[in-house]
PDB file of N, CA and C in Angstrom:
ATOM      1  N   UNK A   1       0.839  -1.179   0.000  1.00  0.00           N
ATOM      2  CA  UNK A   1       0.000   0.000   0.000  1.00  0.00           C
ATOM      3  C   UNK A   1       0.883   1.240   0.000  1.00  0.00           C
ATOM      4  N   UNK A   2       0.564   2.171  -0.871  1.00  0.00           N
ATOM      5  CA  UNK A   2       1.355   3.399  -0.997  1.00  0.00           C
ATOM      6  C   UNK A   2       1.123   4.306   0.202  1.00  0.00           C
ATOM      7  N   UNK A   3       2.179   5.040   0.582  1.00  0.00           N
ATOM      8  CA  UNK A   3       2.054   5.955   1.710  1.00  0.00           C
ATOM      9  C   UNK A   3       1.233   7.180   1.349  1.00  0.00           C
ATOM     10  N   UNK A   4       1.299   7.611   0.094  1.00  0.00           N
ATOM     11  CA  UNK A   4       0.597   8.817  -0.340  1.00  0.00           C
ATOM     12  C   UNK A   4      -0.427   8.454  -1.403  1.00  0.00           C
ATOM     13  N   UNK A   5      -1.583   9.066  -1.314  1.00  0.00           N
ATOM     14  CA  UNK A   5      -2.599   8.790  -2.312  1.00  0.00           C
ATOM     15  C   UNK A   5      -2.369   9.618  -3.566  1.00  0.00           C
ATOM     16  N   UNK A   6      -1.611  10.689  -3.449  1.00  0.00           N
ATOM     17  CA  UNK A   6      -1.289  11.485  -4.628  1.00  0.00           C
ATOM     18  C   UNK A   6       0.215  11.729  -4.668  1.00  0.00           C
ATOM     19  N   UNK A   7       0.707  12.066  -5.833  1.00  0.00           N
ATOM     20  CA  UNK A   7       2.154  12.243  -5.961  1.00  0.00           C
ATOM     21  C   UNK A   7       2.602  13.480  -5.165  1.00  0.00           C
ATOM     22  N   UNK A   8       3.797  13.381  -4.617  1.00  0.00           N
ATOM     23  CA  UNK A   8       4.359  14.463  -3.805  1.00  0.00           C
ATOM     24  C   UNK A   8       5.558  15.020  -4.542  1.00  0.00           C
ATOM     25  N   UNK A   9       5.571  16.334  -4.710  1.00  0.00           N
ATOM     26  CA  UNK A   9       6.694  16.976  -5.377  1.00  0.00           C
ATOM     27  C   UNK A   9       7.747  17.388  -4.368  1.00  0.00           C
ATOM     28  N   UNK A  10       8.972  17.241  -4.768  1.00  0.00           N
ATOM     29  CA  UNK A  10      10.072  17.686  -3.908  1.00  0.00           C
ATOM     30  C   UNK A  10      10.092  19.216  -3.906  1.00  0.00           C
ATOM     31  N   UNK A  11      10.488  19.823  -2.799  1.00  0.00           N
ATOM     32  CA  UNK A  11      10.565  21.286  -2.773  1.00  0.00           C
ATOM     33  C   UNK A  11      11.648  21.769  -3.733  1.00  0.00           C
ATOM     34  N   UNK A  12      11.530  23.001  -4.212  1.00  0.00           N
ATOM     35  CA  UNK A  12      12.550  23.507  -5.124  1.00  0.00           C
ATOM     36  C   UNK A  12      13.889  23.622  -4.396  1.00  0.00           C
ATOM     37  N   UNK A  13      14.993  23.533  -5.121  1.00  0.00           N
ATOM     38  CA  UNK A  13      16.298  23.647  -4.473  1.00  0.00           C
ATOM     39  C   UNK A  13      16.481  25.057  -3.916  1.00  0.00           C
ATOM     40  N   UNK A  14      17.296  25.202  -2.868  1.00  0.00           N
ATOM     41  CA  UNK A  14      17.529  26.535  -2.322  1.00  0.00           C
ATOM     42  C   UNK A  14      18.306  27.384  -3.310  1.00  0.00           C
ATOM     43  N   UNK A  15      18.225  28.713  -3.180  1.00  0.00           N
ATOM     44  CA  UNK A  15      19.003  29.566  -4.082  1.00  0.00           C
ATOM     45  C   UNK A  15      20.493  29.351  -3.840  1.00  0.00           C
ATOM     46  N   UNK A  16      21.325  29.635  -4.849  1.00  0.00           N
ATOM     47  CA  UNK A  16      22.770  29.429  -4.672  1.00  0.00           C
ATOM     48  C   UNK A  16      23.297  30.310  -3.533  1.00  0.00           C
ATOM     49  N   UNK A  17      24.247  29.759  -2.791  1.00  0.00           N
ATOM     50  CA  UNK A  17      24.848  30.494  -1.678  1.00  0.00           C
ATOM     51  C   UNK A  17      25.793  31.558  -2.223  1.00  0.00           C
ATOM     52  N   UNK A  18      25.664  32.762  -1.708  1.00  0.00           N
ATOM     53  CA  UNK A  18      26.558  33.846  -2.130  1.00  0.00           C
ATOM     54  C   UNK A  18      27.448  34.199  -0.955  1.00  0.00           C
ATOM     55  N   UNK A  19      28.517  33.439  -0.774  1.00  0.00           N
ATOM     56  CA  UNK A  19      29.455  33.690   0.314  1.00  0.00           C
ATOM     57  C   UNK A  19      30.410  34.801  -0.096  1.00  0.00           C
ATOM     58  N   UNK A  20      30.436  35.856   0.684  1.00  0.00           N
ATOM     59  CA  UNK A  20      31.336  36.976   0.413  1.00  0.00           C
ATOM     60  C   UNK A  20      32.201  37.182   1.646  1.00  0.00           C
ATOM     61  N   UNK A  21      33.487  36.829   1.584  1.00  0.00           N
ATOM     62  CA  UNK A  21      34.345  37.066   2.734  1.00  0.00           C
ATOM     63  C   UNK A  21      34.383  38.542   3.086  1.00  0.00           C
ATOM     64  N   UNK A  22      34.431  38.840   4.347  1.00  0.00           N
ATOM     65  CA  UNK A  22      34.497  40.212   4.845  1.00  0.00           C
ATOM     66  C   UNK A  22      35.930  40.550   5.207  1.00  0.00           C
ATOM     67  N   UNK A  23      36.277  41.848   5.223  1.00  0.00           N
ATOM     68  CA  UNK A  23      37.645  42.203   5.614  1.00  0.00           C
ATOM     69  C   UNK A  23      37.898  41.791   7.060  1.00  0.00           C
ATOM     70  N   UNK A  24      39.105  41.347   7.326  1.00  0.00           N
ATOM     71  CA  UNK A  24      39.414  40.895   8.673  1.00  0.00           C
ATOM     72  C   UNK A  24      40.909  41.018   8.943  1.00  0.00           C
ATOM     73  N   UNK A  25      41.273  40.965  10.179  1.00  0.00           N
ATOM     74  CA  UNK A  25      42.653  40.940  10.625  1.00  0.00           C
ATOM     75  C   UNK A  25      42.959  39.477  10.891  1.00  0.00           C
ATOM     76  N   UNK A  26      43.852  38.893  10.123  1.00  0.00           N
ATOM     77  CA  UNK A  26      44.074  37.461  10.200  1.00  0.00           C
ATOM     78  C   UNK A  26      45.519  37.181  10.581  1.00  0.00           C
ATOM     79  N   UNK A  27      45.732  36.292  11.535  1.00  0.00           N
ATOM     80  CA  UNK A  27      47.080  35.864  11.896  1.00  0.00           C
ATOM     81  C   UNK A  27      47.339  34.525  11.228  1.00  0.00           C
ATOM     82  N   UNK A  28      47.669  34.553   9.959  1.00  0.00           N
ATOM     83  CA  UNK A  28      47.899  33.326   9.207  1.00  0.00           C
ATOM     84  C   UNK A  28      48.713  33.670   7.967  1.00  0.00           C
ATOM     85  N   UNK A  29      48.562  32.907   6.933  1.00  0.00           N
ATOM     86  CA  UNK A  29      49.269  33.153   5.669  1.00  0.00           C
ATOM     87  C   UNK A  29      48.567  34.253   4.877  1.00  0.00           C
ATOM     88  N   UNK A  30      49.221  34.786   3.803  1.00  0.00           N
ATOM     89  CA  UNK A  30      48.600  35.875   3.028  1.00  0.00           C
ATOM     90  C   UNK A  30      47.194  35.540   2.568  1.00  0.00           C
ATOM     91  N   UNK A  31      46.321  36.543   2.622  1.00  0.00           N
ATOM     92  CA  UNK A  31      44.915  36.346   2.324  1.00  0.00           C
ATOM     93  C   UNK A  31      44.396  37.539   1.538  1.00  0.00           C
ATOM     94  N   UNK A  32      43.665  37.278   0.474  1.00  0.00           N
ATOM     95  CA  UNK A  32      42.995  38.332  -0.267  1.00  0.00           C
ATOM     96  C   UNK A  32      41.538  38.347   0.148  1.00  0.00           C
ATOM     97  N   UNK A  33      40.979  39.541   0.301  1.00  0.00           N
ATOM     98  CA  UNK A  33      39.606  39.695   0.755  1.00  0.00           C
ATOM     99  C   UNK A  33      38.797  40.396  -0.320  1.00  0.00           C
ATOM    100  N   UNK A  34      37.685  39.792  -0.713  1.00  0.00           N
ATOM    101  CA  UNK A  34      36.794  40.385  -1.691  1.00  0.00           C
ATOM    102  C   UNK A  34      35.693  41.139  -0.959  1.00  0.00           C
ATOM    103  N   UNK A  35      35.615  42.438  -1.157  1.00  0.00           N
ATOM    104  CA  UNK A  35      34.607  43.267  -0.511  1.00  0.00           C
ATOM    105  C   UNK A  35      33.291  43.158  -1.278  1.00  0.00           C
ATOM    106  N   UNK A  36      32.150  43.422  -0.611  1.00  0.00           N
ATOM    107  CA  UNK A  36      30.855  43.357  -1.294  1.00  0.00           C
ATOM    108  C   UNK A  36      30.761  44.298  -2.502  1.00  0.00           C
ATOM    109  N   UNK A  37      31.503  45.409  -2.477  1.00  0.00           N
ATOM    110  CA  UNK A  37      31.451  46.343  -3.603  1.00  0.00           C
ATOM    111  C   UNK A  37      32.389  45.943  -4.742  1.00  0.00           C
ATOM    112  N   UNK A  38      33.015  44.769  -4.647  1.00  0.00           N
ATOM    113  CA  UNK A  38      33.867  44.267  -5.720  1.00  0.00           C
ATOM    114  C   UNK A  38      35.334  44.612  -5.567  1.00  0.00           C
ATOM    115  N   UNK A  39      35.692  45.392  -4.567  1.00  0.00           N
ATOM    116  CA  UNK A  39      37.083  45.781  -4.365  1.00  0.00           C
ATOM    117  C   UNK A  39      37.850  44.606  -3.755  1.00  0.00           C
ATOM    118  N   UNK A  40      39.056  44.391  -4.232  1.00  0.00           N
ATOM    119  CA  UNK A  40      39.912  43.328  -3.720  1.00  0.00           C
ATOM    120  C   UNK A  40      40.950  43.944  -2.794  1.00  0.00           C
ATOM    121  N   UNK A  41      41.007  43.478  -1.558  1.00  0.00           N
ATOM    122  CA  UNK A  41      41.953  43.992  -0.575  1.00  0.00           C
ATOM    123  C   UNK A  41      42.871  42.883  -0.102  1.00  0.00           C
ATOM    124  N   UNK A  42      44.032  43.269   0.372  1.00  0.00           N
ATOM    125  CA  UNK A  42      44.914  42.317   1.023  1.00  0.00           C
ATOM    126  C   UNK A  42      44.726  42.492   2.521  1.00  0.00           C
ATOM    127  N   UNK A  43      44.368  41.442   3.203  1.00  0.00           N
ATOM    128  CA  UNK A  43      44.132  41.512   4.648  1.00  0.00           C
ATOM    129  C   UNK A  43      45.461  41.629   5.375  1.00  0.00           C
ATOM    130  N   UNK A  44      45.422  42.235   6.560  1.00  0.00           N
ATOM    131  CA  UNK A  44      46.607  42.306   7.402  1.00  0.00           C
ATOM    132  C   UNK A  44      46.892  40.904   7.925  1.00  0.00           C
ATOM    133  N   UNK A  45      48.069  40.408   7.638  1.00  0.00           N
ATOM    134  CA  UNK A  45      48.433  39.049   8.013  1.00  0.00           C
ATOM    135  C   UNK A  45      49.659  39.104   8.911  1.00  0.00           C
ATOM    136  N   UNK A  46      49.622  38.345   9.988  1.00  0.00           N
ATOM    137  CA  UNK A  46      50.725  38.349  10.938  1.00  0.00           C
ATOM    138  C   UNK A  46      51.127  36.922  11.294  1.00  0.00           C
ATOM    139  N   UNK A  47      52.420  36.682  11.357  1.00  0.00           N
ATOM    140  CA  UNK A  47      52.941  35.458  11.964  1.00  0.00           C
ATOM    141  C   UNK A  47      53.325  35.836  13.381  1.00  0.00           C
ATOM    142  N   UNK A  48      52.767  35.143  14.348  1.00  0.00           N
ATOM    143  CA  UNK A  48      52.986  35.482  15.753  1.00  0.00           C
ATOM    144  C   UNK A  48      53.736  34.345  16.437  1.00  0.00           C
ATOM    145  N   UNK A  49      54.830  34.715  17.087  1.00  0.00           N
ATOM    146  CA  UNK A  49      55.659  33.759  17.825  1.00  0.00           C
ATOM    147  C   UNK A  49      55.877  34.309  19.228  1.00  0.00           C
ATOM    148  N   UNK A  50      56.553  33.571  20.061  1.00  0.00           N
ATOM    149  CA  UNK A  50      56.839  34.037  21.420  1.00  0.00           C
ATOM    150  C   UNK A  50      57.617  35.348  21.392  1.00  0.00           C
ATOM    151  N   UNK A  51      58.505  35.505  20.422  1.00  0.00           N
ATOM    152  CA  UNK A  51      59.357  36.701  20.357  1.00  0.00           C
ATOM    153  C   UNK A  51      58.586  37.979  20.035  1.00  0.00           C
ATOM    154  N   UNK A  52      57.455  37.896  19.340  1.00  0.00           N
ATOM    155  CA  UNK A  52      56.703  39.111  18.994  1.00  0.00           C
ATOM    156  C   UNK A  52      55.265  39.082  19.518  1.00  0.00           C
ATOM    157  N   UNK A  53      54.967  38.170  20.442  1.00  0.00           N
ATOM    158  CA  UNK A  53      53.611  38.008  20.936  1.00  0.00           C
ATOM    159  C   UNK A  53      53.070  39.278  21.583  1.00  0.00           C
ATOM    160  N   UNK A  54      53.842  39.892  22.481  1.00  0.00           N
ATOM    161  CA  UNK A  54      53.367  41.101  23.174  1.00  0.00           C
ATOM    162  C   UNK A  54      53.078  42.236  22.199  1.00  0.00           C
ATOM    163  N   UNK A  55      53.957  42.424  21.220  1.00  0.00           N
ATOM    164  CA  UNK A  55      53.760  43.483  20.217  1.00  0.00           C
ATOM    165  C   UNK A  55      52.501  43.219  19.390  1.00  0.00           C
ATOM    166  N   UNK A  56      52.297  41.995  18.948  1.00  0.00           N
ATOM    167  CA  UNK A  56      51.128  41.669  18.133  1.00  0.00           C
ATOM    168  C   UNK A  56      49.843  41.729  18.945  1.00  0.00           C
ATOM    169  N   UNK A  57      49.907  41.365  20.218  1.00  0.00           N
ATOM    170  CA  UNK A  57      48.738  41.486  21.079  1.00  0.00           C
ATOM    171  C   UNK A  57      48.354  42.956  21.243  1.00  0.00           C
ATOM    172  N   UNK A  58      49.350  43.820  21.325  1.00  0.00           N
ATOM    173  CA  UNK A  58      49.100  45.260  21.390  1.00  0.00           C
ATOM    174  C   UNK A  58      48.475  45.759  20.086  1.00  0.00           C
ATOM    175  N   UNK A  59      48.993  45.294  18.943  1.00  0.00           N
ATOM    176  CA  UNK A  59      48.422  45.665  17.640  1.00  0.00           C
ATOM    177  C   UNK A  59      46.968  45.201  17.527  1.00  0.00           C
ATOM    178  N   UNK A  60      46.710  43.995  17.986  1.00  0.00           N
ATOM    179  CA  UNK A  60      45.360  43.445  17.953  1.00  0.00           C
ATOM    180  C   UNK A  60      44.423  44.274  18.832  1.00  0.00           C
ATOM    181  N   UNK A  61      44.873  44.613  20.015  1.00  0.00           N
ATOM    182  CA  UNK A  61      44.063  45.426  20.934  1.00  0.00           C
ATOM    183  C   UNK A  61      43.761  46.799  20.352  1.00  0.00           C
ATOM    184  N   UNK A  62      44.687  47.346  19.593  1.00  0.00           N
ATOM    185  CA  UNK A  62      44.514  48.687  19.024  1.00  0.00           C
ATOM    186  C   UNK A  62      43.392  48.744  17.992  1.00  0.00           C
ATOM    187  N   UNK A  63      43.141  47.631  17.275  1.00  0.00           N
ATOM    188  CA  UNK A  63      42.106  47.648  16.242  1.00  0.00           C
ATOM    189  C   UNK A  63      40.757  47.116  16.745  1.00  0.00           C
ATOM    190  N   UNK A  64      40.691  46.648  17.985  1.00  0.00           N
ATOM    191  CA  UNK A  64      39.427  46.125  18.526  1.00  0.00           C
ATOM    192  C   UNK A  64      38.272  47.124  18.511  1.00  0.00           C
ATOM    193  N   UNK A  65      38.501  48.427  18.763  1.00  0.00           N
ATOM    194  CA  UNK A  65      37.361  49.354  18.689  1.00  0.00           C
ATOM    195  C   UNK A  65      36.702  49.395  17.307  1.00  0.00           C
ATOM    196  N   UNK A  66      37.488  49.217  16.238  1.00  0.00           N
ATOM    197  CA  UNK A  66      36.923  49.230  14.878  1.00  0.00           C
ATOM    198  C   UNK A  66      36.396  47.865  14.456  1.00  0.00           C
ATOM    199  N   UNK A  67      36.948  46.800  15.021  1.00  0.00           N
ATOM    200  CA  UNK A  67      36.563  45.433  14.667  1.00  0.00           C
ATOM    201  C   UNK A  67      36.243  44.647  15.948  1.00  0.00           C
ATOM    202  N   UNK A  68      35.066  44.878  16.556  1.00  0.00           N
ATOM    203  CA  UNK A  68      34.765  44.286  17.858  1.00  0.00           C
ATOM    204  C   UNK A  68      34.326  42.815  17.840  1.00  0.00           C
ATOM    205  N   UNK A  69      34.030  42.265  16.676  1.00  0.00           N
ATOM    206  CA  UNK A  69      33.621  40.865  16.596  1.00  0.00           C
ATOM    207  C   UNK A  69      34.883  40.008  16.438  1.00  0.00           C
ATOM    208  N   UNK A  70      35.139  39.139  17.414  1.00  0.00           N
ATOM    209  CA  UNK A  70      36.364  38.337  17.430  1.00  0.00           C
ATOM    210  C   UNK A  70      36.014  36.872  17.194  1.00  0.00           C
ATOM    211  N   UNK A  71      36.662  36.269  16.204  1.00  0.00           N
ATOM    212  CA  UNK A  71      36.490  34.837  15.921  1.00  0.00           C
ATOM    213  C   UNK A  71      37.811  34.138  16.231  1.00  0.00           C
ATOM    214  N   UNK A  72      37.733  33.040  16.957  1.00  0.00           N
ATOM    215  CA  UNK A  72      38.937  32.313  17.350  1.00  0.00           C
ATOM    216  C   UNK A  72      38.836  30.878  16.849  1.00  0.00           C
ATOM    217  N   UNK A  73      39.906  30.396  16.244  1.00  0.00           N
ATOM    218  CA  UNK A  73      39.978  29.026  15.759  1.00  0.00           C
ATOM    219  C   UNK A  73      41.196  28.377  16.395  1.00  0.00           C
ATOM    220  N   UNK A  74      41.056  27.187  16.921  1.00  0.00           N
ATOM    221  CA  UNK A  74      42.181  26.492  17.533  1.00  0.00           C
ATOM    222  C   UNK A  74      42.439  25.175  16.820  1.00  0.00           C
ATOM    223  N   UNK A  75      43.680  24.764  16.829  1.00  0.00           N
ATOM    224  CA  UNK A  75      44.068  23.497  16.211  1.00  0.00           C
ATOM    225  C   UNK A  75      44.805  22.643  17.235  1.00  0.00           C
ATOM    226  N   UNK A  76      44.380  21.389  17.349  1.00  0.00           N
ATOM    227  CA  UNK A  76      44.999  20.424  18.242  1.00  0.00           C
ATOM    228  C   UNK A  76      45.469  19.228  17.411  1.00  0.00           C
ATOM    229  N   UNK A  77      46.433  18.449  17.934  1.00  0.00           N
ATOM    230  CA  UNK A  77      46.996  17.344  17.137  1.00  0.00           C
ATOM    231  C   UNK A  77      46.153  16.069  17.130  1.00  0.00           C
ATOM    232  N   UNK A  78      44.872  16.170  16.874  1.00  0.00           N
ATOM    233  CA  UNK A  78      44.038  14.977  16.782  1.00  0.00           C
ATOM    234  C   UNK A  78      43.240  14.741  18.041  1.00  0.00           C
ATOM    235  N   UNK A  79      43.022  13.479  18.367  1.00  0.00           N
ATOM    236  CA  UNK A  79      42.231  13.113  19.540  1.00  0.00           C
ATOM    237  C   UNK A  79      42.842  11.865  20.171  1.00  0.00           C
ATOM    238  N   UNK A  80      42.834  11.829  21.499  1.00  0.00           N
ATOM    239  CA  UNK A  80      43.320  10.648  22.203  1.00  0.00           C
ATOM    240  C   UNK A  80      42.174   9.907  22.891  1.00  0.00           C
ATOM    241  N   UNK A  81      41.045  10.576  23.044  1.00  0.00           N
ATOM    242  CA  UNK A  81      39.878   9.955  23.672  1.00  0.00           C
ATOM    243  C   UNK A  81      38.758   9.827  22.643  1.00  0.00           C
ATOM    244  N   UNK A  82      38.042   8.724  22.696  1.00  0.00           N
ATOM    245  CA  UNK A  82      36.886   8.525  21.834  1.00  0.00           C
ATOM    246  C   UNK A  82      35.784   7.882  22.667  1.00  0.00           C
ATOM    247  N   UNK A  83      34.648   7.709  22.071  1.00  0.00           N
ATOM    248  CA  UNK A  83      33.503   7.139  22.778  1.00  0.00           C
ATOM    249  C   UNK A  83      32.995   5.929  22.018  1.00  0.00           C
ATOM    250  N   UNK A  84      32.419   4.987  22.753  1.00  0.00           N
ATOM    251  CA  UNK A  84      31.794   3.827  22.108  1.00  0.00           C
ATOM    252  C   UNK A  84      30.496   4.209  21.428  1.00  0.00           C
ATOM    253  N   UNK A  85      29.923   5.332  21.847  1.00  0.00           N
ATOM    254  CA  UNK A  85      28.650   5.790  21.298  1.00  0.00           C
ATOM    255  C   UNK A  85      28.886   6.531  19.972  1.00  0.00           C
ATOM    256  N   UNK A  86      28.163   6.196  18.897  1.00  0.00           N
ATOM    257  CA  UNK A  86      28.323   6.925  17.629  1.00  0.00           C
ATOM    258  C   UNK A  86      27.999   8.411  17.801  1.00  0.00           C
ATOM    259  N   UNK A  87      28.636   9.257  17.000  1.00  0.00           N
ATOM    260  CA  UNK A  87      28.446  10.712  17.106  1.00  0.00           C
ATOM    261  C   UNK A  87      26.985  11.124  17.023  1.00  0.00           C
ATOM    262  N   UNK A  88      26.247  10.518  16.109  1.00  0.00           N
ATOM    263  CA  UNK A  88      24.864  10.954  15.905  1.00  0.00           C
ATOM    264  C   UNK A  88      23.971  10.638  17.105  1.00  0.00           C
ATOM    265  N   UNK A  89      24.444   9.764  17.996  1.00  0.00           N
ATOM    266  CA  UNK A  89      23.648   9.414  19.170  1.00  0.00           C
ATOM    267  C   UNK A  89      24.058  10.212  20.417  1.00  0.00           C
ATOM    268  N   UNK A  90      25.183  10.928  20.334  1.00  0.00           N
ATOM    269  CA  UNK A  90      25.644  11.704  21.490  1.00  0.00           C
ATOM    270  C   UNK A  90      24.842  12.977  21.636  1.00  0.00           C
ATOM    271  N   UNK A  91      24.530  13.304  22.849  1.00  0.00           N
ATOM    272  CA  UNK A  91      23.891  14.582  23.137  1.00  0.00           C
ATOM    273  C   UNK A  91      24.948  15.668  23.288  1.00  0.00           C
ATOM    274  N   UNK A  92      24.523  16.916  23.443  1.00  0.00           N
ATOM    275  CA  UNK A  92      25.471  18.018  23.595  1.00  0.00           C
ATOM    276  C   UNK A  92      26.402  17.833  24.796  1.00  0.00           C
ATOM    277  N   UNK A  93      25.875  17.326  25.900  1.00  0.00           N
ATOM    278  CA  UNK A  93      26.704  17.155  27.105  1.00  0.00           C
ATOM    279  C   UNK A  93      27.810  16.127  26.872  1.00  0.00           C
ATOM    280  N   UNK A  94      27.465  14.986  26.272  1.00  0.00           N
ATOM    281  CA  UNK A  94      28.466  13.945  26.011  1.00  0.00           C
ATOM    282  C   UNK A  94      29.509  14.436  25.003  1.00  0.00           C
ATOM    283  N   UNK A  95      29.054  15.144  23.971  1.00  0.00           N
ATOM    284  CA  UNK A  95      29.991  15.673  22.973  1.00  0.00           C
ATOM    285  C   UNK A  95      30.956  16.664  23.607  1.00  0.00           C
ATOM    286  N   UNK A  96      30.423  17.556  24.434  1.00  0.00           N
ATOM    287  CA  UNK A  96      31.264  18.552  25.103  1.00  0.00           C
ATOM    288  C   UNK A  96      32.292  17.878  26.009  1.00  0.00           C
ATOM    289  N   UNK A  97      31.845  16.901  26.808  1.00  0.00           N
ATOM    290  CA  UNK A  97      32.758  16.231  27.733  1.00  0.00           C
ATOM    291  C   UNK A  97      33.881  15.512  26.996  1.00  0.00           C
ATOM    292  N   UNK A  98      33.578  14.914  25.844  1.00  0.00           N
ATOM    293  CA  UNK A  98      34.601  14.230  25.056  1.00  0.00           C
ATOM    294  C   UNK A  98      35.603  15.217  24.486  1.00  0.00           C
ATOM    295  N   UNK A  99      35.112  16.323  23.933  1.00  0.00           N
ATOM    296  CA  UNK A  99      36.012  17.351  23.395  1.00  0.00           C
ATOM    297  C   UNK A  99      36.872  17.925  24.520  1.00  0.00           C
ATOM    298  N   UNK A 100      36.263  18.211  25.668  1.00  0.00           N
ATOM    299  CA  UNK A 100      36.999  18.780  26.789  1.00  0.00           C
ATOM    300  C   UNK A 100      38.111  17.851  27.264  1.00  0.00           C
ATOM    301  N   UNK A 101      37.824  16.542  27.352  1.00  0.00           N
ATOM    302  CA  UNK A 101      38.876  15.603  27.761  1.00  0.00           C
ATOM    303  C   UNK A 101      40.043  15.623  26.787  1.00  0.00           C
ATOM    304  N   UNK A 102      39.757  15.689  25.474  1.00  0.00           N
ATOM    305  CA  UNK A 102      40.828  15.755  24.482  1.00  0.00           C
ATOM    306  C   UNK A 102      41.609  17.056  24.601  1.00  0.00           C
ATOM    307  N   UNK A 103      40.917  18.175  24.747  1.00  0.00           N
ATOM    308  CA  UNK A 103      41.587  19.473  24.856  1.00  0.00           C
ATOM    309  C   UNK A 103      42.460  19.514  26.106  1.00  0.00           C
ATOM    310  N   UNK A 104      41.957  18.982  27.216  1.00  0.00           N
ATOM    311  CA  UNK A 104      42.724  18.983  28.464  1.00  0.00           C
ATOM    312  C   UNK A 104      43.993  18.144  28.369  1.00  0.00           C
ATOM    313  N   UNK A 105      43.970  17.075  27.563  1.00  0.00           N
ATOM    314  CA  UNK A 105      45.107  16.164  27.495  1.00  0.00           C
ATOM    315  C   UNK A 105      46.054  16.408  26.316  1.00  0.00           C
ATOM    316  N   UNK A 106      45.734  17.358  25.450  1.00  0.00           N
ATOM    317  CA  UNK A 106      46.586  17.639  24.288  1.00  0.00           C
ATOM    318  C   UNK A 106      47.155  19.050  24.357  1.00  0.00           C
ATOM    319  N   UNK A 107      48.232  19.270  23.630  1.00  0.00           N
ATOM    320  CA  UNK A 107      48.835  20.601  23.567  1.00  0.00           C
ATOM    321  C   UNK A 107      48.278  21.360  22.368  1.00  0.00           C
ATOM    322  N   UNK A 108      48.003  22.625  22.577  1.00  0.00           N
ATOM    323  CA  UNK A 108      47.510  23.503  21.519  1.00  0.00           C
ATOM    324  C   UNK A 108      48.608  23.704  20.475  1.00  0.00           C
ATOM    325  N   UNK A 109      48.283  23.507  19.197  1.00  0.00           N
ATOM    326  CA  UNK A 109      49.263  23.694  18.129  1.00  0.00           C
ATOM    327  C   UNK A 109      49.218  25.092  17.533  1.00  0.00           C
ATOM    328  N   UNK A 110      48.013  25.612  17.327  1.00  0.00           N
ATOM    329  CA  UNK A 110      47.870  26.868  16.598  1.00  0.00           C
ATOM    330  C   UNK A 110      46.573  27.557  17.002  1.00  0.00           C
ATOM    331  N   UNK A 111      46.616  28.901  17.031  1.00  0.00           N
ATOM    332  CA  UNK A 111      45.429  29.711  17.297  1.00  0.00           C
ATOM    333  C   UNK A 111      45.275  30.687  16.135  1.00  0.00           C
ATOM    334  N   UNK A 112      44.103  30.757  15.579  1.00  0.00           N
ATOM    335  CA  UNK A 112      43.801  31.734  14.544  1.00  0.00           C
ATOM    336  C   UNK A 112      42.805  32.745  15.095  1.00  0.00           C
ATOM    337  N   UNK A 113      43.033  34.025  14.819  1.00  0.00           N
ATOM    338  CA  UNK A 113      42.147  35.081  15.284  1.00  0.00           C
ATOM    339  C   UNK A 113      41.743  35.943  14.100  1.00  0.00           C
ATOM    340  N   UNK A 114      40.455  36.151  13.938  1.00  0.00           N
ATOM    341  CA  UNK A 114      39.944  37.021  12.878  1.00  0.00           C
ATOM    342  C   UNK A 114      39.025  38.050  13.516  1.00  0.00           C
ATOM    343  N   UNK A 115      39.143  39.303  13.097  1.00  0.00           N
ATOM    344  CA  UNK A 115      38.305  40.384  13.617  1.00  0.00           C
ATOM    345  C   UNK A 115      37.408  40.902  12.523  1.00  0.00           C
ATOM    346  N   UNK A 116      36.208  41.331  12.918  1.00  0.00           N
ATOM    347  CA  UNK A 116      35.255  41.884  11.966  1.00  0.00           C
ATOM    348  C   UNK A 116      34.524  43.028  12.628  1.00  0.00           C
ATOM    349  N   UNK A 117      34.041  43.956  11.814  1.00  0.00           N
ATOM    350  CA  UNK A 117      33.306  45.110  12.322  1.00  0.00           C
ATOM    351  C   UNK A 117      31.924  45.216  11.689  1.00  0.00           C
ATOM    352  N   UNK A 118      31.263  46.357  11.877  1.00  0.00           N
ATOM    353  CA  UNK A 118      29.906  46.535  11.353  1.00  0.00           C
ATOM    354  C   UNK A 118      29.791  46.371   9.836  1.00  0.00           C
ATOM    355  N   UNK A 119      30.845  46.704   9.091  1.00  0.00           N
ATOM    356  CA  UNK A 119      30.798  46.566   7.635  1.00  0.00           C
ATOM    357  C   UNK A 119      31.500  45.316   7.147  1.00  0.00           C
ATOM    358  N   UNK A 120      31.835  44.460   8.044  1.00  0.00           N
ATOM    359  CA  UNK A 120      32.499  43.218   7.665  1.00  0.00           C
ATOM    360  C   UNK A 120      33.876  43.114   8.190  1.00  0.00           C
TER     361      UNK A 120
END
């Protein structure tokens, strides 16, 4: 027996995604930023080490009034803890506890910081 008595049409596909990177202060490799008005900019890129950390932190603090939205990305060397429970069955609490155990037991490899303001 059919589930539907009449044919069911699939919904139309969503419109194409228009991802437009916004200008940002990036501590990584060289990056080009495409502005919404079509202008191409080179983002401020910094390599930060122990020897220049204080200076770069000062530079970062100086631009915070213009770019108050801060995005942080961290990189760790994999995972040492796992769960017997499949990911799709874990709740937020179990997922958080597993990530926290890995973060607590591993060394941070890299931190990325991006700043954005009202216009991107």
